């Protein structure tokens, strides 16, 4: 499994928003996130839409507008963010009815359990890490510099 730039940059943007909200900024502009993270503002605009749709961030319009977390950073997991941006975090794609994985019949697939266990581990790990943990780690690194 290889994470695309959507997942990598989107997670960086979410950490940036969480850190700056923790500092007391009422809203964080995508322009400021783009500048701090050295990312394209237009690409961030594409990433923020699925995060809004998933209820992870919300926006405020106007001169002082921008983005804020839709819920506490402690209630947002890396898994939630990545699934909003990337889709399921499964190692291989099987049909929903688990009858075909592109290799023929799943009932005859001896490696099916391997992929299921790997997918389960990835999802459990991603769901165990909160945005608050990453924001705190970012602040700690920043304070050491």
C-alpha atoms as a PDB file:
ATOM      1  CA  UNK A   1       0.000   0.000   0.000  1.00  0.00           C
ATOM      2  CA  UNK A   2       1.351   3.381  -0.954  1.00  0.00           C
ATOM      3  CA  UNK A   3      -0.181   6.601   0.364  1.00  0.00           C
ATOM      4  CA  UNK A   4      -0.828   9.244  -2.287  1.00  0.00           C
ATOM      5  CA  UNK A   5      -0.104  12.939  -1.933  1.00  0.00           C
ATOM      6  CA  UNK A   6      -3.782  13.417  -1.070  1.00  0.00           C
ATOM      7  CA  UNK A   7      -3.320  11.498   2.157  1.00  0.00           C
ATOM      8  CA  UNK A   8       0.134  12.827   2.975  1.00  0.00           C
ATOM      9  CA  UNK A   9      -0.553  16.497   2.259  1.00  0.00           C
ATOM     10  CA  UNK A  10      -4.065  16.331   3.693  1.00  0.00           C
ATOM     11  CA  UNK A  11      -2.770  14.965   6.987  1.00  0.00           C
ATOM     12  CA  UNK A  12      -0.072  17.660   7.106  1.00  0.00           C
ATOM     13  CA  UNK A  13      -2.727  20.322   6.495  1.00  0.00           C
ATOM     14  CA  UNK A  14      -4.933  18.903   9.254  1.00  0.00           C
ATOM     15  CA  UNK A  15      -2.047  18.934  11.744  1.00  0.00           C
ATOM     16  CA  UNK A  16      -1.321  22.534  10.758  1.00  0.00           C
ATOM     17  CA  UNK A  17      -4.961  23.539  11.285  1.00  0.00           C
ATOM     18  CA  UNK A  18      -5.069  21.730  14.642  1.00  0.00           C
ATOM     19  CA  UNK A  19      -1.840  23.386  15.834  1.00  0.00           C
ATOM     20  CA  UNK A  20      -2.977  26.845  14.839  1.00  0.00           C
ATOM     21  CA  UNK A  21      -6.447  26.365  16.336  1.00  0.00           C
ATOM     22  CA  UNK A  22      -4.725  25.246  19.568  1.00  0.00           C
ATOM     23  CA  UNK A  23      -2.759  28.498  19.535  1.00  0.00           C
ATOM     24  CA  UNK A  24      -6.040  30.401  19.594  1.00  0.00           C
ATOM     25  CA  UNK A  25      -6.462  31.291  15.923  1.00  0.00           C
ATOM     26  CA  UNK A  26     -10.199  31.420  15.349  1.00  0.00           C
ATOM     27  CA  UNK A  27      -9.893  30.347  11.714  1.00  0.00           C
ATOM     28  CA  UNK A  28      -6.965  29.179   9.625  1.00  0.00           C
ATOM     29  CA  UNK A  29      -6.754  30.235   5.980  1.00  0.00           C
ATOM     30  CA  UNK A  30      -5.639  27.757   3.356  1.00  0.00           C
ATOM     31  CA  UNK A  31      -3.172  30.363   2.128  1.00  0.00           C
ATOM     32  CA  UNK A  32      -1.449  30.366   5.534  1.00  0.00           C
ATOM     33  CA  UNK A  33      -1.426  26.544   5.640  1.00  0.00           C
ATOM     34  CA  UNK A  34       0.002  26.443   2.109  1.00  0.00           C
ATOM     35  CA  UNK A  35       2.757  28.888   3.063  1.00  0.00           C
ATOM     36  CA  UNK A  36       3.711  27.096   6.282  1.00  0.00           C
ATOM     37  CA  UNK A  37       3.629  23.637   4.700  1.00  0.00           C
ATOM     38  CA  UNK A  38       5.114  24.691   1.346  1.00  0.00           C
ATOM     39  CA  UNK A  39       2.112  23.246  -0.510  1.00  0.00           C
ATOM     40  CA  UNK A  40      -0.013  24.491  -3.384  1.00  0.00           C
ATOM     41  CA  UNK A  41      -3.048  26.443  -2.191  1.00  0.00           C
ATOM     42  CA  UNK A  42      -5.109  25.204  -5.145  1.00  0.00           C
ATOM     43  CA  UNK A  43      -4.261  21.582  -4.276  1.00  0.00           C
ATOM     44  CA  UNK A  44      -5.208  22.184  -0.629  1.00  0.00           C
ATOM     45  CA  UNK A  45      -8.572  23.515  -1.827  1.00  0.00           C
ATOM     46  CA  UNK A  46      -9.176  20.154  -3.508  1.00  0.00           C
ATOM     47  CA  UNK A  47      -8.236  18.292  -0.320  1.00  0.00           C
ATOM     48  CA  UNK A  48     -10.380  20.347   2.037  1.00  0.00           C
ATOM     49  CA  UNK A  49     -13.643  19.486   0.260  1.00  0.00           C
ATOM     50  CA  UNK A  50     -13.762  15.785   1.240  1.00  0.00           C
ATOM     51  CA  UNK A  51     -12.641  16.730   4.766  1.00  0.00           C
ATOM     52  CA  UNK A  52     -15.583  19.149   5.027  1.00  0.00           C
ATOM     53  CA  UNK A  53     -17.942  16.530   3.611  1.00  0.00           C
ATOM     54  CA  UNK A  54     -16.715  14.024   6.226  1.00  0.00           C
ATOM     55  CA  UNK A  55     -17.425  16.516   9.035  1.00  0.00           C
ATOM     56  CA  UNK A  56     -13.777  16.884  10.023  1.00  0.00           C
ATOM     57  CA  UNK A  57     -13.391  20.602   9.268  1.00  0.00           C
ATOM     58  CA  UNK A  58     -15.816  23.435   8.787  1.00  0.00           C
ATOM     59  CA  UNK A  59     -15.415  26.758   7.072  1.00  0.00           C
ATOM     60  CA  UNK A  60     -16.264  30.360   7.835  1.00  0.00           C
ATOM     61  CA  UNK A  61     -16.632  32.930   5.071  1.00  0.00           C
ATOM     62  CA  UNK A  62     -15.513  36.505   5.084  1.00  0.00           C
ATOM     63  CA  UNK A  63     -12.377  38.556   5.648  1.00  0.00           C
ATOM     64  CA  UNK A  64     -11.522  36.703   8.851  1.00  0.00           C
ATOM     65  CA  UNK A  65     -12.772  33.395   7.475  1.00  0.00           C
ATOM     66  CA  UNK A  66     -10.986  30.129   7.061  1.00  0.00           C
ATOM     67  CA  UNK A  67     -11.122  26.624   8.447  1.00  0.00           C
ATOM     68  CA  UNK A  68     -11.471  25.175  11.924  1.00  0.00           C
ATOM     69  CA  UNK A  69     -11.822  21.657  13.242  1.00  0.00           C
ATOM     70  CA  UNK A  70     -15.435  20.509  13.283  1.00  0.00           C
ATOM     71  CA  UNK A  71     -14.809  18.616  16.522  1.00  0.00           C
ATOM     72  CA  UNK A  72     -12.085  18.275  19.126  1.00  0.00           C
ATOM     73  CA  UNK A  73      -8.679  17.174  17.821  1.00  0.00           C
ATOM     74  CA  UNK A  74      -8.817  14.333  20.346  1.00  0.00           C
ATOM     75  CA  UNK A  75     -11.922  13.028  18.552  1.00  0.00           C
ATOM     76  CA  UNK A  76     -10.372  13.030  15.070  1.00  0.00           C
ATOM     77  CA  UNK A  77      -8.210  10.069  14.114  1.00  0.00           C
ATOM     78  CA  UNK A  78      -5.605   9.709  11.398  1.00  0.00           C
ATOM     79  CA  UNK A  79      -7.725   6.862  10.033  1.00  0.00           C
ATOM     80  CA  UNK A  80     -10.757   9.119   9.717  1.00  0.00           C
ATOM     81  CA  UNK A  81      -8.718  11.749   7.845  1.00  0.00           C
ATOM     82  CA  UNK A  82      -7.043   9.249   5.517  1.00  0.00           C
ATOM     83  CA  UNK A  83     -10.289   7.429   4.717  1.00  0.00           C
ATOM     84  CA  UNK A  84     -11.946  10.781   3.874  1.00  0.00           C
ATOM     85  CA  UNK A  85      -9.105  11.554   1.466  1.00  0.00           C
ATOM     86  CA  UNK A  86      -8.051   8.148   0.162  1.00  0.00           C
ATOM     87  CA  UNK A  87     -11.027   5.859   0.676  1.00  0.00           C
ATOM     88  CA  UNK A  88     -10.718   2.498   2.458  1.00  0.00           C
ATOM     89  CA  UNK A  89      -7.285   1.698   3.867  1.00  0.00           C
ATOM     90  CA  UNK A  90      -7.393  -1.907   2.720  1.00  0.00           C
ATOM     91  CA  UNK A  91      -4.249  -3.588   1.405  1.00  0.00           C
ATOM     92  CA  UNK A  92      -6.124  -5.262  -1.467  1.00  0.00           C
ATOM     93  CA  UNK A  93      -9.559  -4.603  -2.843  1.00  0.00           C
ATOM     94  CA  UNK A  94     -12.068  -7.409  -2.536  1.00  0.00           C
ATOM     95  CA  UNK A  95     -15.670  -7.212  -3.606  1.00  0.00           C
ATOM     96  CA  UNK A  96     -18.005  -6.230  -0.791  1.00  0.00           C
ATOM     97  CA  UNK A  97     -19.399  -9.744  -0.758  1.00  0.00           C
ATOM     98  CA  UNK A  98     -15.814 -11.096  -0.465  1.00  0.00           C
ATOM     99  CA  UNK A  99     -16.335 -13.455  -3.389  1.00  0.00           C
ATOM    100  CA  UNK A 100     -13.731 -12.016  -5.746  1.00  0.00           C
ATOM    101  CA  UNK A 101     -10.467 -10.127  -5.303  1.00  0.00           C
ATOM    102  CA  UNK A 102      -9.337 -10.031  -8.889  1.00  0.00           C
ATOM    103  CA  UNK A 103      -7.582 -13.340  -8.413  1.00  0.00           C
ATOM    104  CA  UNK A 104     -10.628 -15.538  -8.835  1.00  0.00           C
ATOM    105  CA  UNK A 105     -12.803 -16.918  -6.088  1.00  0.00           C
ATOM    106  CA  UNK A 106     -11.986 -15.699  -2.560  1.00  0.00           C
ATOM    107  CA  UNK A 107     -13.067 -18.986  -1.036  1.00  0.00           C
ATOM    108  CA  UNK A 108     -10.085 -20.637  -2.730  1.00  0.00           C
ATOM    109  CA  UNK A 109      -7.685 -17.795  -1.944  1.00  0.00           C
ATOM    110  CA  UNK A 110      -5.097 -18.969   0.587  1.00  0.00           C
ATOM    111  CA  UNK A 111      -3.622 -15.469   1.008  1.00  0.00           C
ATOM    112  CA  UNK A 112      -6.944 -13.777   1.836  1.00  0.00           C
ATOM    113  CA  UNK A 113      -6.300 -13.959   5.588  1.00  0.00           C
ATOM    114  CA  UNK A 114      -2.915 -12.286   5.157  1.00  0.00           C
ATOM    115  CA  UNK A 115      -4.475  -9.286   3.391  1.00  0.00           C
ATOM    116  CA  UNK A 116      -7.305  -9.082   5.905  1.00  0.00           C
ATOM    117  CA  UNK A 117      -4.899  -9.113   8.873  1.00  0.00           C
ATOM    118  CA  UNK A 118      -2.632  -6.498   7.276  1.00  0.00           C
ATOM    119  CA  UNK A 119      -5.630  -4.283   6.490  1.00  0.00           C
ATOM    120  CA  UNK A 120      -6.906  -4.706  10.037  1.00  0.00           C
ATOM    121  CA  UNK A 121      -3.504  -3.695  11.451  1.00  0.00           C
ATOM    122  CA  UNK A 122      -3.280  -0.619   9.228  1.00  0.00           C
ATOM    123  CA  UNK A 123      -6.787   0.492  10.196  1.00  0.00           C
ATOM    124  CA  UNK A 124      -6.244  -0.148  13.919  1.00  0.00           C
ATOM    125  CA  UNK A 125      -2.981   1.802  13.899  1.00  0.00           C
ATOM    126  CA  UNK A 126      -4.455   4.723  11.963  1.00  0.00           C
ATOM    127  CA  UNK A 127      -7.467   4.822  14.287  1.00  0.00           C
ATOM    128  CA  UNK A 128      -5.275   4.760  17.403  1.00  0.00           C
ATOM    129  CA  UNK A 129      -3.490   8.001  16.487  1.00  0.00           C
ATOM    130  CA  UNK A 130      -5.450  11.185  17.079  1.00  0.00           C
ATOM    131  CA  UNK A 131      -4.971  14.570  15.512  1.00  0.00           C
ATOM    132  CA  UNK A 132      -4.375  15.908  19.018  1.00  0.00           C
ATOM    133  CA  UNK A 133      -1.391  13.545  19.415  1.00  0.00           C
ATOM    134  CA  UNK A 134       0.134  14.782  16.172  1.00  0.00           C
ATOM    135  CA  UNK A 135      -0.552  18.437  17.004  1.00  0.00           C
ATOM    136  CA  UNK A 136       1.102  18.024  20.419  1.00  0.00           C
ATOM    137  CA  UNK A 137       4.082  16.321  18.811  1.00  0.00           C
ATOM    138  CA  UNK A 138       4.352  19.138  16.270  1.00  0.00           C
ATOM    139  CA  UNK A 139       4.263  21.770  19.016  1.00  0.00           C
ATOM    140  CA  UNK A 140       6.886  19.869  20.983  1.00  0.00           C
ATOM    141  CA  UNK A 141       9.235  19.698  17.994  1.00  0.00           C
ATOM    142  CA  UNK A 142       8.623  23.376  17.299  1.00  0.00           C
ATOM    143  CA  UNK A 143       9.453  24.331  20.911  1.00  0.00           C
ATOM    144  CA  UNK A 144      12.752  22.419  20.738  1.00  0.00           C
ATOM    145  CA  UNK A 145      13.958  24.478  17.766  1.00  0.00           C
END
